[in-house]
N, C-alpha and C. Protein backbone atom coordinates (compact mmCIF):
# COMPACT_ATOMS: atom_id res chain seq x y z
N MET A 1 21.58 -66.52 -3.05
CA MET A 1 22.08 -67.68 -3.77
C MET A 1 22.78 -67.20 -5.05
N ALA A 2 23.95 -67.74 -5.30
CA ALA A 2 24.71 -67.39 -6.51
C ALA A 2 24.09 -68.05 -7.72
N LYS A 3 24.29 -67.44 -8.86
CA LYS A 3 23.77 -68.03 -10.09
C LYS A 3 24.51 -69.32 -10.40
N ARG A 4 23.77 -70.23 -11.05
CA ARG A 4 24.31 -71.53 -11.44
C ARG A 4 23.76 -71.90 -12.80
N LEU A 5 24.41 -72.85 -13.43
CA LEU A 5 23.89 -73.42 -14.67
C LEU A 5 22.90 -74.51 -14.30
N PHE A 6 21.72 -74.47 -14.89
CA PHE A 6 20.72 -75.50 -14.71
C PHE A 6 20.56 -76.22 -16.03
N VAL A 7 20.52 -77.54 -15.98
CA VAL A 7 20.36 -78.36 -17.18
C VAL A 7 19.02 -79.08 -17.08
N THR A 8 18.19 -78.94 -18.11
CA THR A 8 16.93 -79.66 -18.20
C THR A 8 17.06 -80.60 -19.39
N PRO A 9 17.47 -81.85 -19.14
CA PRO A 9 17.79 -82.78 -20.23
C PRO A 9 16.68 -82.97 -21.27
N TYR A 10 15.41 -83.03 -20.84
CA TYR A 10 14.36 -83.30 -21.81
C TYR A 10 14.17 -82.16 -22.81
N ARG A 11 14.70 -80.97 -22.51
CA ARG A 11 14.60 -79.85 -23.44
C ARG A 11 15.71 -79.84 -24.49
N CYS A 12 16.75 -80.63 -24.29
CA CYS A 12 17.89 -80.64 -25.21
C CYS A 12 17.50 -81.31 -26.53
N THR A 13 17.86 -80.64 -27.63
CA THR A 13 17.60 -81.20 -28.97
C THR A 13 18.89 -81.65 -29.64
N ASP A 14 20.01 -81.56 -28.94
CA ASP A 14 21.32 -81.91 -29.48
C ASP A 14 21.69 -81.02 -30.67
N CYS A 15 21.28 -79.75 -30.61
CA CYS A 15 21.56 -78.81 -31.72
C CYS A 15 23.03 -78.40 -31.75
N LYS A 16 23.72 -78.54 -30.62
CA LYS A 16 25.14 -78.24 -30.48
C LYS A 16 25.46 -76.74 -30.51
N ASN A 17 24.44 -75.89 -30.39
CA ASN A 17 24.70 -74.45 -30.30
C ASN A 17 25.60 -74.14 -29.11
N CYS A 18 25.41 -74.85 -28.01
CA CYS A 18 26.22 -74.63 -26.81
C CYS A 18 27.69 -74.92 -27.09
N GLU A 19 27.95 -75.98 -27.83
CA GLU A 19 29.33 -76.34 -28.16
C GLU A 19 29.98 -75.27 -29.03
N VAL A 20 29.25 -74.79 -30.01
CA VAL A 20 29.79 -73.77 -30.92
C VAL A 20 30.06 -72.47 -30.15
N ALA A 21 29.12 -72.05 -29.30
CA ALA A 21 29.30 -70.82 -28.52
C ALA A 21 30.52 -70.95 -27.61
N CYS A 22 30.66 -72.08 -26.96
CA CYS A 22 31.81 -72.33 -26.09
C CYS A 22 33.10 -72.27 -26.89
N SER A 23 33.08 -72.88 -28.05
CA SER A 23 34.25 -72.89 -28.91
C SER A 23 34.66 -71.47 -29.30
N PHE A 24 33.71 -70.62 -29.66
CA PHE A 24 34.02 -69.25 -30.03
C PHE A 24 34.60 -68.46 -28.87
N VAL A 25 34.08 -68.71 -27.66
CA VAL A 25 34.54 -67.97 -26.49
C VAL A 25 35.91 -68.44 -26.01
N HIS A 26 36.14 -69.75 -26.03
CA HIS A 26 37.32 -70.30 -25.36
C HIS A 26 38.46 -70.79 -26.23
N THR A 27 38.22 -71.24 -27.42
CA THR A 27 39.32 -71.82 -28.17
C THR A 27 40.04 -70.77 -29.00
N LYS A 28 41.29 -71.06 -29.26
CA LYS A 28 42.09 -70.16 -30.08
C LYS A 28 41.65 -70.23 -31.54
N ASP A 29 41.02 -71.33 -31.90
CA ASP A 29 40.54 -71.53 -33.26
C ASP A 29 39.11 -72.05 -33.18
N PRO A 30 38.10 -71.21 -33.47
CA PRO A 30 36.70 -71.63 -33.34
C PRO A 30 36.33 -72.83 -34.22
N ARG A 31 37.20 -73.18 -35.15
CA ARG A 31 36.93 -74.36 -35.97
C ARG A 31 37.38 -75.63 -35.27
N HIS A 32 37.83 -75.51 -34.03
CA HIS A 32 38.33 -76.64 -33.26
C HIS A 32 37.43 -76.89 -32.04
N PRO A 33 36.17 -77.31 -32.29
CA PRO A 33 35.25 -77.50 -31.16
C PRO A 33 35.34 -78.87 -30.50
N ALA A 34 36.23 -79.72 -30.93
CA ALA A 34 36.26 -81.09 -30.41
C ALA A 34 36.41 -81.14 -28.90
N LEU A 35 37.16 -80.24 -28.33
CA LEU A 35 37.34 -80.25 -26.89
C LEU A 35 36.68 -79.05 -26.22
N THR A 36 35.50 -78.71 -26.70
CA THR A 36 34.72 -77.65 -26.08
C THR A 36 34.43 -78.05 -24.64
N ARG A 37 34.17 -77.09 -23.80
CA ARG A 37 33.96 -77.35 -22.38
C ARG A 37 32.55 -77.85 -22.06
N VAL A 38 31.66 -77.80 -23.02
CA VAL A 38 30.30 -78.33 -22.87
C VAL A 38 30.04 -79.28 -24.02
N ARG A 39 29.33 -80.36 -23.76
CA ARG A 39 29.05 -81.35 -24.80
C ARG A 39 27.56 -81.67 -24.85
N ALA A 40 27.02 -81.71 -26.06
CA ALA A 40 25.64 -82.15 -26.26
C ALA A 40 25.71 -83.56 -26.82
N TYR A 41 24.91 -84.44 -26.28
CA TYR A 41 24.94 -85.85 -26.68
C TYR A 41 23.55 -86.37 -27.01
N THR A 42 23.51 -87.34 -27.90
CA THR A 42 22.32 -88.16 -28.09
C THR A 42 22.75 -89.57 -27.72
N LEU A 43 22.11 -90.11 -26.71
CA LEU A 43 22.45 -91.46 -26.25
C LEU A 43 21.76 -92.50 -27.13
N LYS A 44 22.13 -93.75 -26.95
CA LYS A 44 21.59 -94.84 -27.76
C LYS A 44 20.07 -94.91 -27.76
N ASN A 45 19.46 -94.57 -26.65
CA ASN A 45 18.00 -94.64 -26.56
C ASN A 45 17.33 -93.33 -26.99
N GLU A 46 18.06 -92.53 -27.77
CA GLU A 46 17.58 -91.26 -28.32
C GLU A 46 17.35 -90.17 -27.27
N VAL A 47 17.85 -90.38 -26.05
CA VAL A 47 17.78 -89.34 -25.02
C VAL A 47 18.88 -88.34 -25.30
N LYS A 48 18.54 -87.07 -25.28
CA LYS A 48 19.51 -86.01 -25.55
C LYS A 48 19.81 -85.28 -24.26
N SER A 49 21.04 -84.84 -24.12
CA SER A 49 21.40 -84.10 -22.91
C SER A 49 22.67 -83.30 -23.13
N VAL A 50 22.92 -82.40 -22.19
CA VAL A 50 24.11 -81.58 -22.18
C VAL A 50 24.94 -81.99 -20.98
N VAL A 51 26.25 -82.09 -21.18
CA VAL A 51 27.14 -82.49 -20.10
C VAL A 51 28.25 -81.45 -19.97
N LEU A 52 28.50 -81.00 -18.75
CA LEU A 52 29.57 -80.05 -18.49
C LEU A 52 30.04 -80.20 -17.05
N CYS A 53 31.09 -79.49 -16.69
CA CYS A 53 31.68 -79.60 -15.35
C CYS A 53 30.62 -79.32 -14.29
N LEU A 54 30.60 -80.15 -13.26
CA LEU A 54 29.63 -80.00 -12.17
C LEU A 54 30.12 -79.08 -11.06
N GLN A 55 31.35 -78.56 -11.16
CA GLN A 55 31.91 -77.65 -10.16
C GLN A 55 31.76 -78.25 -8.76
N CYS A 56 32.17 -79.49 -8.60
CA CYS A 56 31.99 -80.24 -7.35
C CYS A 56 32.51 -79.50 -6.12
N GLU A 57 31.80 -79.66 -5.02
CA GLU A 57 32.18 -79.03 -3.75
C GLU A 57 33.60 -79.47 -3.35
N GLU A 58 33.82 -80.77 -3.34
CA GLU A 58 35.14 -81.32 -3.06
C GLU A 58 35.60 -82.01 -4.33
N ALA A 59 36.12 -81.21 -5.25
CA ALA A 59 36.43 -81.67 -6.60
C ALA A 59 37.67 -82.55 -6.66
N ALA A 60 37.50 -83.74 -7.25
CA ALA A 60 38.60 -84.68 -7.40
C ALA A 60 39.73 -84.06 -8.22
N CYS A 61 39.37 -83.32 -9.27
CA CYS A 61 40.40 -82.70 -10.12
C CYS A 61 41.28 -81.77 -9.31
N GLN A 62 40.66 -81.01 -8.44
CA GLN A 62 41.37 -80.05 -7.62
C GLN A 62 42.22 -80.75 -6.56
N MET A 63 41.71 -81.84 -6.01
CA MET A 63 42.42 -82.56 -4.95
C MET A 63 43.69 -83.24 -5.44
N VAL A 64 43.68 -83.74 -6.68
CA VAL A 64 44.86 -84.47 -7.16
C VAL A 64 45.91 -83.57 -7.79
N CYS A 65 45.60 -82.32 -8.02
CA CYS A 65 46.54 -81.42 -8.69
C CYS A 65 47.77 -81.18 -7.79
N PRO A 66 48.95 -81.60 -8.25
CA PRO A 66 50.14 -81.48 -7.40
C PRO A 66 50.63 -80.04 -7.22
N THR A 67 50.21 -79.12 -8.07
CA THR A 67 50.68 -77.73 -7.97
C THR A 67 49.62 -76.77 -7.47
N GLY A 68 48.40 -77.25 -7.25
CA GLY A 68 47.31 -76.36 -6.82
C GLY A 68 46.85 -75.44 -7.93
N ALA A 69 46.97 -75.90 -9.18
CA ALA A 69 46.64 -75.08 -10.34
C ALA A 69 45.15 -74.90 -10.57
N LEU A 70 44.33 -75.70 -9.93
CA LEU A 70 42.88 -75.56 -10.08
C LEU A 70 42.34 -74.86 -8.83
N GLU A 71 41.84 -73.65 -9.04
CA GLU A 71 41.36 -72.85 -7.93
C GLU A 71 39.91 -72.44 -8.15
N ARG A 72 39.13 -72.38 -7.07
CA ARG A 72 37.74 -71.96 -7.16
C ARG A 72 37.67 -70.44 -7.21
N ASN A 73 36.97 -69.92 -8.21
CA ASN A 73 36.77 -68.49 -8.35
C ASN A 73 35.74 -68.08 -7.29
N PRO A 74 36.10 -67.19 -6.37
CA PRO A 74 35.17 -66.82 -5.29
C PRO A 74 33.91 -66.10 -5.79
N GLU A 75 33.98 -65.46 -6.95
CA GLU A 75 32.82 -64.74 -7.48
C GLU A 75 31.85 -65.65 -8.22
N THR A 76 32.37 -66.60 -9.00
CA THR A 76 31.50 -67.44 -9.82
C THR A 76 31.30 -68.84 -9.25
N GLY A 77 32.19 -69.27 -8.35
CA GLY A 77 32.12 -70.62 -7.79
C GLY A 77 32.72 -71.67 -8.71
N ALA A 78 33.18 -71.26 -9.89
CA ALA A 78 33.75 -72.21 -10.85
C ALA A 78 35.20 -72.53 -10.49
N ILE A 79 35.57 -73.77 -10.73
CA ILE A 79 36.96 -74.18 -10.55
C ILE A 79 37.68 -73.85 -11.86
N GLU A 80 38.73 -73.04 -11.75
CA GLU A 80 39.44 -72.57 -12.94
C GLU A 80 40.91 -72.98 -12.90
N ARG A 81 41.46 -73.21 -14.08
CA ARG A 81 42.88 -73.57 -14.21
C ARG A 81 43.71 -72.30 -14.18
N THR A 82 44.82 -72.33 -13.43
CA THR A 82 45.71 -71.18 -13.34
C THR A 82 47.02 -71.48 -14.05
N ASP A 83 47.92 -70.52 -14.05
CA ASP A 83 49.22 -70.68 -14.70
C ASP A 83 50.14 -71.67 -13.98
N LYS A 84 49.75 -72.15 -12.81
CA LYS A 84 50.56 -73.12 -12.08
C LYS A 84 50.51 -74.51 -12.72
N CYS A 85 49.62 -74.70 -13.70
CA CYS A 85 49.42 -76.00 -14.33
C CYS A 85 50.69 -76.48 -15.02
N ILE A 86 51.08 -77.73 -14.74
CA ILE A 86 52.27 -78.33 -15.36
C ILE A 86 51.87 -79.40 -16.39
N LEU A 87 50.59 -79.49 -16.70
CA LEU A 87 50.06 -80.42 -17.71
C LEU A 87 50.33 -81.89 -17.39
N CYS A 88 50.26 -82.23 -16.12
CA CYS A 88 50.47 -83.63 -15.72
C CYS A 88 49.26 -84.49 -16.07
N LYS A 89 48.11 -83.87 -16.28
CA LYS A 89 46.85 -84.51 -16.68
C LYS A 89 46.20 -85.36 -15.59
N MET A 90 46.68 -85.25 -14.36
CA MET A 90 46.08 -86.02 -13.27
C MET A 90 44.62 -85.64 -13.07
N CYS A 91 44.29 -84.38 -13.29
CA CYS A 91 42.91 -83.91 -13.12
C CYS A 91 41.97 -84.58 -14.13
N THR A 92 42.45 -84.82 -15.33
CA THR A 92 41.60 -85.44 -16.36
C THR A 92 41.25 -86.87 -16.00
N VAL A 93 42.16 -87.53 -15.32
CA VAL A 93 41.93 -88.92 -14.89
C VAL A 93 41.05 -88.94 -13.65
N ALA A 94 41.21 -87.96 -12.78
CA ALA A 94 40.50 -87.94 -11.50
C ALA A 94 39.02 -87.60 -11.60
N CYS A 95 38.63 -86.81 -12.60
CA CYS A 95 37.23 -86.38 -12.68
C CYS A 95 36.34 -87.60 -12.90
N PRO A 96 35.44 -87.90 -11.94
CA PRO A 96 34.59 -89.09 -12.08
C PRO A 96 33.54 -88.95 -13.17
N PHE A 97 33.38 -87.73 -13.71
CA PHE A 97 32.36 -87.49 -14.72
C PHE A 97 32.95 -87.27 -16.11
N GLY A 98 34.29 -87.24 -16.21
CA GLY A 98 34.94 -87.05 -17.50
C GLY A 98 34.74 -85.66 -18.08
N ASN A 99 34.64 -84.65 -17.23
CA ASN A 99 34.33 -83.31 -17.70
C ASN A 99 35.51 -82.35 -17.69
N ILE A 100 36.72 -82.87 -17.68
CA ILE A 100 37.92 -82.05 -17.81
C ILE A 100 38.81 -82.79 -18.81
N HIS A 101 39.37 -82.04 -19.76
CA HIS A 101 40.07 -82.67 -20.88
C HIS A 101 41.42 -82.03 -21.14
N PHE A 102 42.27 -82.75 -21.86
CA PHE A 102 43.54 -82.21 -22.33
C PHE A 102 43.41 -81.97 -23.83
N ASP A 103 43.63 -80.73 -24.25
CA ASP A 103 43.58 -80.36 -25.66
C ASP A 103 44.99 -80.55 -26.22
N GLU A 104 45.16 -81.62 -27.00
CA GLU A 104 46.48 -81.93 -27.54
C GLU A 104 46.97 -80.89 -28.54
N GLN A 105 46.06 -80.31 -29.31
CA GLN A 105 46.47 -79.34 -30.32
C GLN A 105 47.11 -78.11 -29.68
N TYR A 106 46.52 -77.61 -28.59
CA TYR A 106 47.04 -76.41 -27.94
C TYR A 106 47.74 -76.71 -26.61
N GLU A 107 47.86 -77.98 -26.28
CA GLU A 107 48.53 -78.44 -25.06
C GLU A 107 48.08 -77.65 -23.84
N GLU A 108 46.79 -77.83 -23.52
CA GLU A 108 46.25 -77.19 -22.33
C GLU A 108 45.09 -78.02 -21.76
N ILE A 109 44.88 -77.85 -20.48
CA ILE A 109 43.76 -78.48 -19.79
C ILE A 109 42.55 -77.58 -19.99
N VAL A 110 41.40 -78.18 -20.39
CA VAL A 110 40.19 -77.39 -20.61
C VAL A 110 39.03 -77.94 -19.77
N LYS A 111 38.29 -77.02 -19.15
CA LYS A 111 37.10 -77.36 -18.38
C LYS A 111 36.22 -76.13 -18.29
N CYS A 112 34.96 -76.32 -17.99
CA CYS A 112 34.01 -75.22 -17.90
C CYS A 112 34.41 -74.27 -16.77
N ASP A 113 34.40 -72.97 -17.09
CA ASP A 113 34.65 -71.95 -16.08
C ASP A 113 33.46 -70.98 -16.01
N THR A 114 32.34 -71.39 -16.56
CA THR A 114 31.09 -70.60 -16.65
C THR A 114 31.33 -69.24 -17.31
N CYS A 115 32.33 -69.18 -18.18
CA CYS A 115 32.65 -67.94 -18.92
C CYS A 115 32.76 -66.74 -17.98
N GLY A 116 33.33 -66.97 -16.81
CA GLY A 116 33.50 -65.88 -15.86
C GLY A 116 32.19 -65.40 -15.26
N GLY A 117 31.18 -66.24 -15.27
CA GLY A 117 29.89 -65.88 -14.68
C GLY A 117 28.88 -65.38 -15.70
N ASP A 118 29.17 -65.60 -16.98
CA ASP A 118 28.25 -65.19 -18.05
C ASP A 118 28.32 -66.24 -19.16
N PRO A 119 27.85 -67.46 -18.88
CA PRO A 119 28.07 -68.57 -19.81
C PRO A 119 27.42 -68.41 -21.18
N ALA A 120 28.28 -68.47 -22.20
CA ALA A 120 27.83 -68.34 -23.59
C ALA A 120 26.88 -69.46 -23.98
N CYS A 121 27.08 -70.66 -23.44
CA CYS A 121 26.25 -71.80 -23.80
C CYS A 121 24.78 -71.56 -23.46
N ALA A 122 24.54 -70.97 -22.29
CA ALA A 122 23.16 -70.70 -21.86
C ALA A 122 22.52 -69.60 -22.71
N LYS A 123 23.32 -68.65 -23.15
CA LYS A 123 22.79 -67.54 -23.96
C LYS A 123 22.25 -68.02 -25.31
N VAL A 124 22.87 -69.06 -25.87
CA VAL A 124 22.48 -69.49 -27.22
C VAL A 124 21.58 -70.71 -27.25
N CYS A 125 21.24 -71.26 -26.09
CA CYS A 125 20.39 -72.45 -26.05
C CYS A 125 18.96 -72.07 -26.44
N PRO A 126 18.48 -72.57 -27.59
CA PRO A 126 17.16 -72.14 -28.07
C PRO A 126 15.98 -72.75 -27.32
N THR A 127 16.22 -73.82 -26.57
CA THR A 127 15.11 -74.52 -25.91
C THR A 127 15.07 -74.35 -24.40
N GLY A 128 16.09 -73.70 -23.83
CA GLY A 128 16.15 -73.56 -22.38
C GLY A 128 16.67 -74.81 -21.69
N ALA A 129 17.36 -75.68 -22.42
CA ALA A 129 17.96 -76.85 -21.79
C ALA A 129 19.10 -76.42 -20.87
N LEU A 130 19.76 -75.34 -21.20
CA LEU A 130 20.81 -74.74 -20.36
C LEU A 130 20.35 -73.35 -19.96
N VAL A 131 20.30 -73.10 -18.66
CA VAL A 131 19.84 -71.80 -18.16
C VAL A 131 20.79 -71.35 -17.05
N TRP A 132 21.18 -70.09 -17.09
CA TRP A 132 22.00 -69.48 -16.04
C TRP A 132 21.05 -68.68 -15.17
N ALA A 133 20.81 -69.14 -13.95
CA ALA A 133 19.80 -68.50 -13.10
C ALA A 133 20.12 -68.69 -11.62
N ASP A 134 19.36 -67.96 -10.79
CA ASP A 134 19.51 -68.07 -9.34
C ASP A 134 18.84 -69.33 -8.79
N GLU A 135 17.79 -69.78 -9.47
CA GLU A 135 17.05 -70.96 -9.02
C GLU A 135 16.39 -71.62 -10.23
N PRO A 136 15.90 -72.84 -10.07
CA PRO A 136 15.27 -73.53 -11.20
C PRO A 136 14.15 -72.70 -11.82
N ILE A 137 13.98 -72.83 -13.12
CA ILE A 137 12.97 -72.09 -13.85
C ILE A 137 11.60 -72.69 -13.56
N PRO A 138 10.62 -71.90 -13.10
CA PRO A 138 9.32 -72.43 -12.69
C PRO A 138 8.57 -73.21 -13.77
N ASP A 139 8.66 -72.80 -15.04
CA ASP A 139 7.89 -73.50 -16.06
C ASP A 139 8.52 -74.82 -16.49
N HIS A 140 9.72 -75.10 -16.03
CA HIS A 140 10.35 -76.39 -16.33
C HIS A 140 9.87 -77.40 -15.30
N LYS A 141 9.85 -78.66 -15.68
CA LYS A 141 9.50 -79.70 -14.72
C LYS A 141 10.66 -79.83 -13.74
N VAL A 142 10.46 -79.39 -12.52
CA VAL A 142 11.53 -79.37 -11.53
C VAL A 142 12.14 -80.74 -11.33
N GLU A 143 11.34 -81.79 -11.35
CA GLU A 143 11.88 -83.13 -11.14
C GLU A 143 12.78 -83.58 -12.29
N GLU A 144 12.69 -82.90 -13.44
CA GLU A 144 13.54 -83.26 -14.57
C GLU A 144 14.65 -82.24 -14.78
N GLN A 145 14.77 -81.29 -13.88
CA GLN A 145 15.79 -80.25 -14.00
C GLN A 145 16.93 -80.58 -13.04
N VAL A 146 18.13 -80.43 -13.53
CA VAL A 146 19.31 -80.75 -12.74
C VAL A 146 20.11 -79.49 -12.53
N GLU A 147 20.38 -79.14 -11.28
CA GLU A 147 21.19 -77.98 -10.99
C GLU A 147 22.65 -78.39 -11.07
N VAL A 148 23.44 -77.69 -11.86
CA VAL A 148 24.86 -77.96 -11.95
C VAL A 148 25.52 -77.17 -10.82
N LYS A 149 25.75 -77.85 -9.72
CA LYS A 149 26.31 -77.19 -8.53
C LYS A 149 27.29 -78.13 -7.86
N PRO A 150 28.03 -77.63 -6.90
CA PRO A 150 28.95 -78.50 -6.19
C PRO A 150 28.21 -79.69 -5.58
N LEU A 151 28.75 -80.85 -5.79
CA LEU A 151 28.13 -82.06 -5.27
C LEU A 151 28.93 -82.57 -4.09
N PRO A 152 28.36 -82.60 -2.91
CA PRO A 152 29.10 -83.00 -1.72
C PRO A 152 29.53 -84.46 -1.75
N TRP A 153 28.86 -85.29 -2.53
CA TRP A 153 29.17 -86.70 -2.55
C TRP A 153 30.15 -87.09 -3.64
N ALA A 154 30.55 -86.14 -4.49
CA ALA A 154 31.40 -86.47 -5.62
C ALA A 154 32.71 -87.13 -5.15
N MET A 155 33.33 -86.58 -4.17
CA MET A 155 34.54 -87.17 -3.61
C MET A 155 34.81 -86.44 -2.31
N THR A 156 35.26 -87.13 -1.32
CA THR A 156 35.55 -86.48 -0.05
C THR A 156 37.01 -86.70 0.29
N MET A 157 37.58 -85.73 0.98
CA MET A 157 38.97 -85.82 1.41
C MET A 157 39.05 -86.77 2.59
N PRO A 158 40.09 -87.57 2.66
CA PRO A 158 40.27 -88.42 3.83
C PRO A 158 40.52 -87.57 5.07
N ALA A 159 40.06 -88.04 6.22
CA ALA A 159 40.26 -87.32 7.47
C ALA A 159 41.75 -87.26 7.80
N LYS A 160 42.16 -86.12 8.33
CA LYS A 160 43.59 -85.93 8.66
C LYS A 160 43.87 -86.41 10.04
């Protein structure tokens, strides 16, 4: 089994370390974390969680791309943007989870690429809310742990 990002929402404290780490790794200006590829949130009912690309099995972002600019990395399983991107932004509209964005400052599409298989967000998470592992962590409550993996139900291609 390939490594994946696992999110355990109840462990998240909304410290935003993941956002800062992502910003340092991916943005041209680390002081510009607004469109980081991972987001920590506190919802109205005080529930905290981390949200990032789910790397869907049949990804809507990938399906609507007119140039085929979003390709799955065979080593990491992450869907990555290539130089074929024409910035049409169709992928940002298609993602049912809102996890792909257009960075207006640098005019580029941004989404999680798992840092090439070594995600910075998981390295700096002090509570283990984000973990890069082969399988769920045994000491976490498995029923409250969410594996960030391709989701077969996210969107399906119409039959040809």
